[in-house]
Amino acid sequence: MKLTTIHATLFTLSSSLALAASATQATIATYDAAYDDATLSLSTVTCSNGENGLVTKGYNSIGDLPTPYVAGSLTIKGWNDANCGACYSLSYKNETVYVVAIDVAIGKFNAAQRVLDKLTQGHAEEFGSVLVDYEEVDGSKCGF
C-alpha cells in the first residue's frame, strides 16, 4: 500500500513538473498579407516607438527585421508593450515557424501570409486560420 502511494505521489509530482516546464499554449493563427510587404513601415504597427518599440531599436520597416516572419500577437496588449519584438514558435502539425511579434492581435496570432503558407504547406488562403501551438523562444531563433 505504501509503495503504491509513493508511486502515485511521484507520478503526480513528475506530471506537475512536466506541465510547469512546458510553456506551450494553443491559439488561432490567421494571416494579413500586409505583413508580407517588406517596405511596410513599422511606424504603422503597435510596436513602433517608445522604449520597447522596434523603430527605437533601429528597425524602420519589416524588411529591416532579421526575418520576414512577423505577426501581431495576443501577448501584445498595446503601444510600447514589453513583448514588442519577442520571438515565438508557431507550430502546426509537423511545421514550426519562428515569428517576431510586431503588432497587437486580440486572442490570436495574425501573421504574414508567408507564415501561414509555410505552416500549412501553401494553404493559407484555403484554410484562412489554423489552430497552432505557440511558445516564446530565444530571440536568436528569429535572428536577433
N, C-alpha and C. Protein backbone atom coordinates (compact mmCIF):
# COMPACT_ATOMS: atom_id res chain seq x y z
N MET A 1 0.82 -1.19 0.00
CA MET A 1 0.00 0.00 0.00
C MET A 1 0.86 1.25 0.00
N LYS A 2 1.89 1.28 0.88
CA LYS A 2 2.75 2.45 0.96
C LYS A 2 3.50 2.65 -0.35
N LEU A 3 3.95 1.56 -0.97
CA LEU A 3 4.67 1.64 -2.24
C LEU A 3 3.78 2.21 -3.34
N THR A 4 2.52 1.82 -3.38
CA THR A 4 1.56 2.35 -4.36
C THR A 4 1.35 3.84 -4.14
N THR A 5 1.24 4.25 -2.89
CA THR A 5 1.05 5.66 -2.56
C THR A 5 2.28 6.47 -2.98
N ILE A 6 3.46 5.94 -2.73
CA ILE A 6 4.70 6.63 -3.12
C ILE A 6 4.76 6.76 -4.64
N HIS A 7 4.43 5.71 -5.36
CA HIS A 7 4.44 5.76 -6.83
C HIS A 7 3.43 6.77 -7.35
N ALA A 8 2.24 6.78 -6.77
CA ALA A 8 1.21 7.73 -7.20
C ALA A 8 1.66 9.17 -6.93
N THR A 9 2.29 9.39 -5.78
CA THR A 9 2.79 10.73 -5.45
C THR A 9 3.89 11.15 -6.41
N LEU A 10 4.82 10.25 -6.70
CA LEU A 10 5.90 10.56 -7.63
C LEU A 10 5.36 10.83 -9.03
N PHE A 11 4.37 10.06 -9.47
CA PHE A 11 3.77 10.27 -10.78
C PHE A 11 3.10 11.64 -10.85
N THR A 12 2.35 11.98 -9.82
CA THR A 12 1.68 13.28 -9.77
C THR A 12 2.70 14.41 -9.78
N LEU A 13 3.75 14.28 -9.00
CA LEU A 13 4.80 15.30 -8.94
C LEU A 13 5.50 15.44 -10.28
N SER A 14 5.86 14.32 -10.92
CA SER A 14 6.55 14.40 -12.21
C SER A 14 5.63 14.97 -13.29
N SER A 15 4.35 14.65 -13.23
CA SER A 15 3.40 15.21 -14.20
C SER A 15 3.27 16.72 -14.02
N SER A 16 3.22 17.16 -12.77
CA SER A 16 3.12 18.60 -12.49
C SER A 16 4.36 19.33 -12.96
N LEU A 17 5.53 18.75 -12.73
CA LEU A 17 6.77 19.37 -13.18
C LEU A 17 6.84 19.44 -14.69
N ALA A 18 6.38 18.42 -15.37
CA ALA A 18 6.39 18.42 -16.83
C ALA A 18 5.48 19.52 -17.37
N LEU A 19 4.33 19.69 -16.75
CA LEU A 19 3.41 20.74 -17.19
C LEU A 19 3.99 22.12 -16.91
N ALA A 20 4.64 22.29 -15.77
CA ALA A 20 5.22 23.58 -15.43
C ALA A 20 6.38 23.93 -16.36
N ALA A 21 7.13 22.93 -16.80
CA ALA A 21 8.27 23.19 -17.67
C ALA A 21 7.84 23.55 -19.09
N SER A 22 6.67 23.13 -19.47
CA SER A 22 6.18 23.40 -20.82
C SER A 22 5.35 24.68 -20.82
N ALA A 23 5.79 25.67 -21.60
CA ALA A 23 5.05 26.93 -21.68
C ALA A 23 4.24 27.00 -22.97
N THR A 24 4.14 25.88 -23.67
CA THR A 24 3.42 25.86 -24.94
C THR A 24 1.92 26.01 -24.69
N GLN A 25 1.30 26.89 -25.48
CA GLN A 25 -0.14 27.11 -25.39
C GLN A 25 -0.72 27.03 -26.79
N ALA A 26 -2.03 26.89 -26.88
CA ALA A 26 -2.70 26.82 -28.18
C ALA A 26 -3.51 28.09 -28.42
N THR A 27 -3.57 28.49 -29.69
CA THR A 27 -4.39 29.62 -30.10
C THR A 27 -4.63 29.52 -31.60
N ILE A 28 -5.39 30.44 -32.12
CA ILE A 28 -5.65 30.52 -33.56
C ILE A 28 -4.59 31.39 -34.22
N ALA A 29 -4.19 31.03 -35.42
CA ALA A 29 -3.33 31.88 -36.24
C ALA A 29 -4.08 32.20 -37.53
N THR A 30 -4.13 33.48 -37.86
CA THR A 30 -4.72 33.96 -39.11
C THR A 30 -3.61 34.68 -39.87
N TYR A 31 -3.96 35.26 -41.02
CA TYR A 31 -2.92 35.98 -41.75
C TYR A 31 -3.42 37.32 -42.27
N ASP A 32 -2.46 38.21 -42.48
CA ASP A 32 -2.70 39.51 -43.09
C ASP A 32 -1.56 39.73 -44.08
N ALA A 33 -1.89 39.74 -45.36
CA ALA A 33 -0.87 39.87 -46.41
C ALA A 33 -0.12 41.19 -46.34
N ALA A 34 -0.65 42.19 -45.64
CA ALA A 34 0.06 43.46 -45.49
C ALA A 34 1.42 43.25 -44.82
N TYR A 35 1.50 42.26 -43.93
CA TYR A 35 2.76 41.98 -43.24
C TYR A 35 3.80 41.33 -44.16
N ASP A 36 3.40 40.94 -45.36
CA ASP A 36 4.35 40.37 -46.32
C ASP A 36 5.10 41.46 -47.09
N ASP A 37 4.70 42.71 -46.94
CA ASP A 37 5.32 43.83 -47.64
C ASP A 37 6.56 44.29 -46.87
N ALA A 38 7.73 44.01 -47.41
CA ALA A 38 8.99 44.36 -46.74
C ALA A 38 9.13 45.86 -46.53
N THR A 39 8.43 46.66 -47.33
CA THR A 39 8.53 48.12 -47.19
C THR A 39 7.54 48.69 -46.18
N LEU A 40 6.70 47.85 -45.59
CA LEU A 40 5.72 48.34 -44.62
C LEU A 40 6.45 48.99 -43.44
N SER A 41 6.16 50.25 -43.21
CA SER A 41 6.80 51.00 -42.13
C SER A 41 6.35 50.47 -40.78
N LEU A 42 7.31 50.25 -39.91
CA LEU A 42 6.98 49.80 -38.57
C LEU A 42 6.37 50.92 -37.73
N SER A 43 6.36 52.13 -38.25
CA SER A 43 5.68 53.22 -37.54
C SER A 43 4.16 53.05 -37.63
N THR A 44 3.68 52.11 -38.43
CA THR A 44 2.24 51.87 -38.58
C THR A 44 1.73 50.74 -37.68
N VAL A 45 2.60 50.11 -36.91
CA VAL A 45 2.19 49.00 -36.05
C VAL A 45 2.28 49.40 -34.58
N THR A 46 1.71 48.61 -33.73
CA THR A 46 1.69 48.89 -32.30
C THR A 46 3.10 49.00 -31.72
N CYS A 47 4.01 48.19 -32.22
CA CYS A 47 5.38 48.17 -31.71
C CYS A 47 6.28 49.14 -32.46
N SER A 48 5.83 50.36 -32.61
CA SER A 48 6.55 51.36 -33.39
C SER A 48 7.68 51.99 -32.58
N ASN A 49 7.34 52.92 -31.73
CA ASN A 49 8.37 53.63 -30.97
C ASN A 49 8.15 53.42 -29.48
N GLY A 50 8.72 54.26 -28.68
CA GLY A 50 8.69 54.05 -27.24
C GLY A 50 9.88 53.19 -26.85
N GLU A 51 10.09 53.04 -25.58
CA GLU A 51 11.24 52.29 -25.07
C GLU A 51 11.32 50.88 -25.64
N ASN A 52 10.18 50.22 -25.85
CA ASN A 52 10.15 48.85 -26.37
C ASN A 52 9.86 48.78 -27.86
N GLY A 53 9.79 49.92 -28.51
CA GLY A 53 9.45 49.96 -29.93
C GLY A 53 10.55 49.46 -30.84
N LEU A 54 10.15 48.93 -31.98
CA LEU A 54 11.12 48.41 -32.95
C LEU A 54 11.83 49.53 -33.71
N VAL A 55 11.13 50.63 -33.97
CA VAL A 55 11.78 51.78 -34.63
C VAL A 55 12.87 52.33 -33.71
N THR A 56 12.59 52.38 -32.43
CA THR A 56 13.57 52.83 -31.44
C THR A 56 14.83 51.96 -31.48
N LYS A 57 14.65 50.69 -31.81
CA LYS A 57 15.78 49.75 -31.86
C LYS A 57 16.45 49.72 -33.23
N GLY A 58 16.03 50.62 -34.13
CA GLY A 58 16.71 50.74 -35.42
C GLY A 58 16.05 50.03 -36.59
N TYR A 59 14.87 49.46 -36.38
CA TYR A 59 14.16 48.77 -37.46
C TYR A 59 13.05 49.69 -37.96
N ASN A 60 13.17 50.16 -39.19
CA ASN A 60 12.19 51.11 -39.72
C ASN A 60 11.09 50.46 -40.55
N SER A 61 11.37 49.31 -41.15
CA SER A 61 10.38 48.61 -41.95
C SER A 61 10.49 47.11 -41.67
N ILE A 62 9.50 46.37 -42.12
CA ILE A 62 9.54 44.92 -41.92
C ILE A 62 10.80 44.32 -42.55
N GLY A 63 11.21 44.87 -43.69
CA GLY A 63 12.41 44.38 -44.36
C GLY A 63 13.70 44.60 -43.57
N ASP A 64 13.68 45.48 -42.59
CA ASP A 64 14.86 45.71 -41.75
C ASP A 64 15.00 44.67 -40.65
N LEU A 65 13.94 43.95 -40.36
CA LEU A 65 13.99 42.92 -39.32
C LEU A 65 14.81 41.73 -39.80
N PRO A 66 15.38 40.95 -38.89
CA PRO A 66 16.23 39.83 -39.30
C PRO A 66 15.48 38.65 -39.93
N THR A 67 14.16 38.69 -39.91
CA THR A 67 13.35 37.63 -40.52
C THR A 67 12.10 38.26 -41.14
N PRO A 68 11.62 37.71 -42.24
CA PRO A 68 10.37 38.21 -42.81
C PRO A 68 9.13 37.61 -42.13
N TYR A 69 9.35 36.70 -41.19
CA TYR A 69 8.25 36.05 -40.49
C TYR A 69 7.83 36.91 -39.30
N VAL A 70 6.76 37.67 -39.48
CA VAL A 70 6.29 38.60 -38.46
C VAL A 70 4.81 38.35 -38.19
N ALA A 71 4.35 38.86 -37.04
CA ALA A 71 2.95 38.65 -36.68
C ALA A 71 2.50 39.66 -35.64
N GLY A 72 1.20 39.91 -35.65
CA GLY A 72 0.56 40.51 -34.50
C GLY A 72 0.39 39.39 -33.48
N SER A 73 0.49 39.72 -32.21
CA SER A 73 0.47 38.69 -31.18
C SER A 73 -0.52 39.00 -30.07
N LEU A 74 -1.15 37.96 -29.56
CA LEU A 74 -2.04 38.09 -28.42
C LEU A 74 -1.32 38.51 -27.16
N THR A 75 0.01 38.41 -27.15
CA THR A 75 0.78 38.80 -25.97
C THR A 75 1.05 40.30 -25.93
N ILE A 76 0.79 40.99 -27.02
CA ILE A 76 0.99 42.44 -27.07
C ILE A 76 -0.35 43.10 -26.79
N LYS A 77 -0.39 43.87 -25.73
CA LYS A 77 -1.65 44.48 -25.29
C LYS A 77 -1.82 45.91 -25.80
N GLY A 78 -0.72 46.56 -26.18
CA GLY A 78 -0.83 47.94 -26.65
C GLY A 78 0.53 48.53 -26.94
N TRP A 79 0.54 49.82 -27.25
CA TRP A 79 1.75 50.54 -27.61
C TRP A 79 2.81 50.37 -26.53
N ASN A 80 4.06 50.20 -26.96
CA ASN A 80 5.23 50.13 -26.09
C ASN A 80 5.20 48.91 -25.16
N ASP A 81 4.50 47.87 -25.53
CA ASP A 81 4.41 46.65 -24.72
C ASP A 81 5.79 45.99 -24.63
N ALA A 82 6.09 45.44 -23.48
CA ALA A 82 7.38 44.76 -23.28
C ALA A 82 7.56 43.56 -24.20
N ASN A 83 6.49 43.01 -24.75
CA ASN A 83 6.59 41.87 -25.66
C ASN A 83 6.85 42.27 -27.11
N CYS A 84 6.94 43.56 -27.39
CA CYS A 84 7.28 44.00 -28.75
C CYS A 84 8.65 43.45 -29.13
N GLY A 85 8.72 42.79 -30.26
CA GLY A 85 9.98 42.21 -30.73
C GLY A 85 10.27 40.83 -30.18
N ALA A 86 9.39 40.30 -29.36
CA ALA A 86 9.60 38.95 -28.82
C ALA A 86 9.50 37.93 -29.96
N CYS A 87 10.20 36.81 -29.79
CA CYS A 87 10.22 35.74 -30.78
C CYS A 87 9.36 34.58 -30.27
N TYR A 88 8.49 34.08 -31.14
CA TYR A 88 7.60 32.98 -30.79
C TYR A 88 7.72 31.86 -31.80
N SER A 89 7.63 30.63 -31.32
CA SER A 89 7.48 29.50 -32.23
C SER A 89 5.99 29.28 -32.43
N LEU A 90 5.58 29.14 -33.68
CA LEU A 90 4.22 28.76 -34.02
C LEU A 90 4.31 27.39 -34.68
N SER A 91 3.59 26.42 -34.16
CA SER A 91 3.65 25.06 -34.69
C SER A 91 2.28 24.58 -35.11
N TYR A 92 2.24 23.98 -36.30
CA TYR A 92 1.02 23.39 -36.84
C TYR A 92 1.42 22.07 -37.48
N LYS A 93 0.81 21.00 -36.99
CA LYS A 93 1.17 19.65 -37.43
C LYS A 93 2.68 19.48 -37.27
N ASN A 94 3.41 19.22 -38.35
CA ASN A 94 4.85 18.97 -38.23
C ASN A 94 5.70 20.16 -38.63
N GLU A 95 5.11 21.34 -38.74
CA GLU A 95 5.85 22.54 -39.16
C GLU A 95 5.94 23.54 -38.00
N THR A 96 7.08 24.19 -37.90
CA THR A 96 7.28 25.26 -36.93
C THR A 96 7.90 26.45 -37.63
N VAL A 97 7.38 27.62 -37.35
CA VAL A 97 7.91 28.88 -37.87
C VAL A 97 8.15 29.79 -36.68
N TYR A 98 9.28 30.51 -36.71
CA TYR A 98 9.60 31.47 -35.67
C TYR A 98 9.23 32.86 -36.16
N VAL A 99 8.41 33.57 -35.38
CA VAL A 99 7.92 34.88 -35.79
C VAL A 99 8.30 35.95 -34.78
N VAL A 100 8.48 37.17 -35.29
CA VAL A 100 8.71 38.34 -34.45
C VAL A 100 7.37 39.03 -34.22
N ALA A 101 7.04 39.29 -32.98
CA ALA A 101 5.80 39.99 -32.63
C ALA A 101 5.98 41.49 -32.86
N ILE A 102 5.15 42.05 -33.77
CA ILE A 102 5.28 43.46 -34.12
C ILE A 102 4.01 44.28 -33.89
N ASP A 103 2.92 43.62 -33.57
CA ASP A 103 1.64 44.31 -33.51
C ASP A 103 0.71 43.59 -32.54
N VAL A 104 -0.37 44.23 -32.19
CA VAL A 104 -1.38 43.62 -31.34
C VAL A 104 -2.29 42.73 -32.19
N ALA A 105 -2.74 41.63 -31.62
CA ALA A 105 -3.74 40.76 -32.25
C ALA A 105 -4.54 40.15 -31.10
N ILE A 106 -5.76 40.51 -30.98
CA ILE A 106 -6.56 40.11 -29.83
C ILE A 106 -6.92 38.63 -29.89
N GLY A 107 -6.39 37.89 -28.92
CA GLY A 107 -6.74 36.48 -28.76
C GLY A 107 -6.15 35.52 -29.77
N LYS A 108 -5.16 35.96 -30.55
CA LYS A 108 -4.61 35.09 -31.60
C LYS A 108 -3.27 35.64 -32.07
N PHE A 109 -2.67 34.94 -33.03
CA PHE A 109 -1.56 35.47 -33.82
C PHE A 109 -2.12 35.80 -35.19
N ASN A 110 -1.84 36.99 -35.67
CA ASN A 110 -2.23 37.41 -37.01
C ASN A 110 -0.93 37.65 -37.76
N ALA A 111 -0.54 36.69 -38.57
CA ALA A 111 0.81 36.65 -39.14
C ALA A 111 0.84 37.04 -40.61
N ALA A 112 2.04 37.24 -41.10
CA ALA A 112 2.23 37.42 -42.54
C ALA A 112 1.71 36.16 -43.24
N GLN A 113 1.18 36.33 -44.44
CA GLN A 113 0.66 35.18 -45.17
C GLN A 113 1.74 34.13 -45.36
N ARG A 114 2.99 34.56 -45.57
CA ARG A 114 4.08 33.59 -45.77
C ARG A 114 4.22 32.66 -44.57
N VAL A 115 3.89 33.15 -43.37
CA VAL A 115 3.96 32.31 -42.17
C VAL A 115 2.93 31.19 -42.26
N LEU A 116 1.68 31.55 -42.52
CA LEU A 116 0.63 30.53 -42.62
C LEU A 116 0.87 29.61 -43.81
N ASP A 117 1.39 30.15 -44.91
CA ASP A 117 1.71 29.29 -46.06
C ASP A 117 2.76 28.26 -45.68
N LYS A 118 3.79 28.68 -44.93
CA LYS A 118 4.83 27.73 -44.53
C LYS A 118 4.26 26.69 -43.56
N LEU A 119 3.44 27.13 -42.63
CA LEU A 119 2.85 26.19 -41.67
C LEU A 119 1.92 25.17 -42.33
N THR A 120 1.19 25.62 -43.36
CA THR A 120 0.16 24.77 -43.98
C THR A 120 0.56 24.23 -45.35
N GLN A 121 1.83 24.37 -45.69
CA GLN A 121 2.34 23.91 -46.98
C GLN A 121 1.59 24.56 -48.14
N GLY A 122 1.42 25.90 -48.02
CA GLY A 122 0.84 26.67 -49.11
C GLY A 122 -0.67 26.82 -49.10
N HIS A 123 -1.31 26.52 -47.97
CA HIS A 123 -2.78 26.55 -47.92
C HIS A 123 -3.34 27.70 -47.07
N ALA A 124 -2.60 28.79 -46.91
CA ALA A 124 -3.09 29.89 -46.07
C ALA A 124 -4.42 30.43 -46.56
N GLU A 125 -4.52 30.71 -47.86
CA GLU A 125 -5.77 31.27 -48.39
C GLU A 125 -6.92 30.28 -48.27
N GLU A 126 -6.64 29.01 -48.51
CA GLU A 126 -7.68 27.99 -48.43
C GLU A 126 -8.19 27.80 -47.00
N PHE A 127 -7.26 27.73 -46.04
CA PHE A 127 -7.63 27.46 -44.65
C PHE A 127 -8.09 28.72 -43.92
N GLY A 128 -7.46 29.84 -44.20
CA GLY A 128 -7.81 31.10 -43.54
C GLY A 128 -7.27 31.22 -42.13
N SER A 129 -7.43 30.19 -41.34
CA SER A 129 -6.90 30.16 -39.98
C SER A 129 -6.63 28.71 -39.59
N VAL A 130 -5.71 28.54 -38.66
CA VAL A 130 -5.39 27.21 -38.14
C VAL A 130 -5.14 27.31 -36.64
N LEU A 131 -5.32 26.20 -35.96
CA LEU A 131 -5.01 26.12 -34.54
C LEU A 131 -3.53 25.80 -34.41
N VAL A 132 -2.79 26.66 -33.73
CA VAL A 132 -1.35 26.46 -33.56
C VAL A 132 -0.99 26.35 -32.09
N ASP A 133 0.14 25.74 -31.85
CA ASP A 133 0.77 25.79 -30.53
C ASP A 133 1.81 26.88 -30.61
N TYR A 134 1.92 27.68 -29.57
CA TYR A 134 2.92 28.75 -29.57
C TYR A 134 3.66 28.78 -28.25
N GLU A 135 4.87 29.32 -28.34
CA GLU A 135 5.71 29.43 -27.16
C GLU A 135 6.73 30.53 -27.41
N GLU A 136 6.98 31.35 -26.42
CA GLU A 136 8.04 32.35 -26.55
C GLU A 136 9.38 31.61 -26.52
N VAL A 137 10.27 31.98 -27.44
CA VAL A 137 11.58 31.34 -27.54
C VAL A 137 12.66 32.42 -27.56
N ASP A 138 13.88 31.99 -27.48
CA ASP A 138 15.01 32.93 -27.52
C ASP A 138 15.03 33.70 -28.83
N GLY A 139 15.36 34.98 -28.74
CA GLY A 139 15.39 35.85 -29.92
C GLY A 139 16.31 35.36 -31.02
N SER A 140 17.29 34.54 -30.68
CA SER A 140 18.21 34.03 -31.71
C SER A 140 17.47 33.17 -32.74
N LYS A 141 16.34 32.58 -32.35
CA LYS A 141 15.54 31.78 -33.29
C LYS A 141 14.95 32.67 -34.38
N CYS A 142 14.81 33.96 -34.10
CA CYS A 142 14.28 34.92 -35.08
C CYS A 142 15.39 35.77 -35.70
N GLY A 143 16.63 35.44 -35.39
CA GLY A 143 17.75 36.15 -35.99
C GLY A 143 18.29 37.31 -35.19
N PHE A 144 17.79 37.53 -33.98
CA PHE A 144 18.30 38.63 -33.14
C PHE A 144 19.56 38.21 -32.42
